[in-house]
Amino acid sequence: MKLADFKRKMVKDVFSASEAHLVVYPEPPALANLQLHQWERQGAVIRLKRGLYYFAEKNPAIEDVARALYFP
């Protein structure tokens, strides 16, 4: 899948790898993880921690990042 298509389908600024797989990918989770890893190496996606990402050109609100990192 192309990055532009992924950005159009993913409405959240901060997302997990499992959310990306459930929302966007009909392929196996390993393929989704590989694609996210490649986009991370290209600099299009930034990893906050293992399995948690955001788009590089978007600056997510600090509340969204905190909510994703420390959820109850």
Protein backbone atom coordinates (compact mmCIF):
# COMPACT_ATOMS: atom_id res chain seq x y z
CA MET A 1 0.00 0.00 0.00
CA LYS A 2 1.20 3.47 -0.76
CA LEU A 3 1.78 5.98 2.00
CA ALA A 4 -0.73 8.47 0.57
CA ASP A 5 -3.48 5.83 0.64
CA PHE A 6 -2.56 4.88 4.18
CA LYS A 7 -2.70 8.51 5.35
CA ARG A 8 -6.11 8.97 3.75
CA LYS A 9 -7.54 5.89 5.48
CA MET A 10 -5.92 6.41 8.88
CA VAL A 11 -7.82 9.23 10.56
CA LYS A 12 -5.92 9.20 13.89
CA ASP A 13 -2.71 11.15 14.31
CA VAL A 14 -1.22 8.68 16.81
CA PHE A 15 -1.88 5.05 15.99
CA SER A 16 -0.71 1.59 16.91
CA ALA A 17 0.47 -1.12 14.55
CA SER A 18 -2.56 -3.25 15.42
CA GLU A 19 -4.90 -0.34 14.60
CA ALA A 20 -3.15 0.10 11.28
CA HIS A 21 -3.62 -3.57 10.55
CA LEU A 22 -7.30 -3.60 11.54
CA VAL A 23 -8.27 -0.39 9.77
CA VAL A 24 -6.21 -0.54 6.62
CA TYR A 25 -4.63 -3.89 5.84
CA PRO A 26 -6.38 -7.04 4.62
CA GLU A 27 -2.93 -8.69 4.58
CA PRO A 28 -1.27 -10.49 7.51
CA PRO A 29 0.00 -8.39 10.46
CA ALA A 30 3.62 -9.15 9.60
CA LEU A 31 3.22 -7.33 6.30
CA ALA A 32 1.71 -4.31 8.05
CA ASN A 33 4.62 -4.23 10.51
CA LEU A 34 7.12 -4.46 7.66
CA GLN A 35 5.48 -1.57 5.82
CA LEU A 36 5.44 0.58 8.96
CA HIS A 37 9.12 -0.23 9.55
CA GLN A 38 10.01 0.80 5.98
CA TRP A 39 8.10 4.08 6.33
CA GLU A 40 9.90 4.68 9.61
CA ARG A 41 13.28 4.23 7.93
CA GLN A 42 12.21 6.66 5.18
CA GLY A 43 11.23 9.23 7.80
CA ALA A 44 7.53 9.36 6.88
CA VAL A 45 6.40 7.78 10.15
CA ILE A 46 7.93 8.34 13.59
CA ARG A 47 7.85 5.65 16.27
CA LEU A 48 7.01 6.77 19.80
CA LYS A 49 7.58 3.35 21.27
CA ARG A 50 7.30 -0.22 20.04
CA GLY A 51 4.08 -0.49 18.06
CA LEU A 52 3.03 3.17 18.43
CA TYR A 53 3.52 5.64 15.58
CA TYR A 54 2.55 9.05 14.21
CA PHE A 55 3.01 10.75 10.84
CA ALA A 56 6.15 12.86 10.58
CA GLU A 57 4.56 15.91 8.96
CA LYS A 58 1.76 16.06 11.53
CA ASN A 59 2.47 17.34 15.01
CA PRO A 60 0.00 15.53 17.22
CA ALA A 61 -1.33 17.27 20.29
CA ILE A 62 0.53 16.45 23.48
CA GLU A 63 -2.73 15.15 24.95
CA ASP A 64 -3.09 12.63 22.12
CA VAL A 65 0.45 11.38 22.62
CA ALA A 66 -0.01 11.13 26.39
CA ARG A 67 -3.32 9.31 25.96
CA ALA A 68 -1.70 6.80 23.59
CA LEU A 69 1.34 6.23 25.80
CA TYR A 70 -0.39 6.04 29.18
CA PHE A 71 -3.89 4.68 28.77
CA PRO A 72 -5.74 3.11 31.69
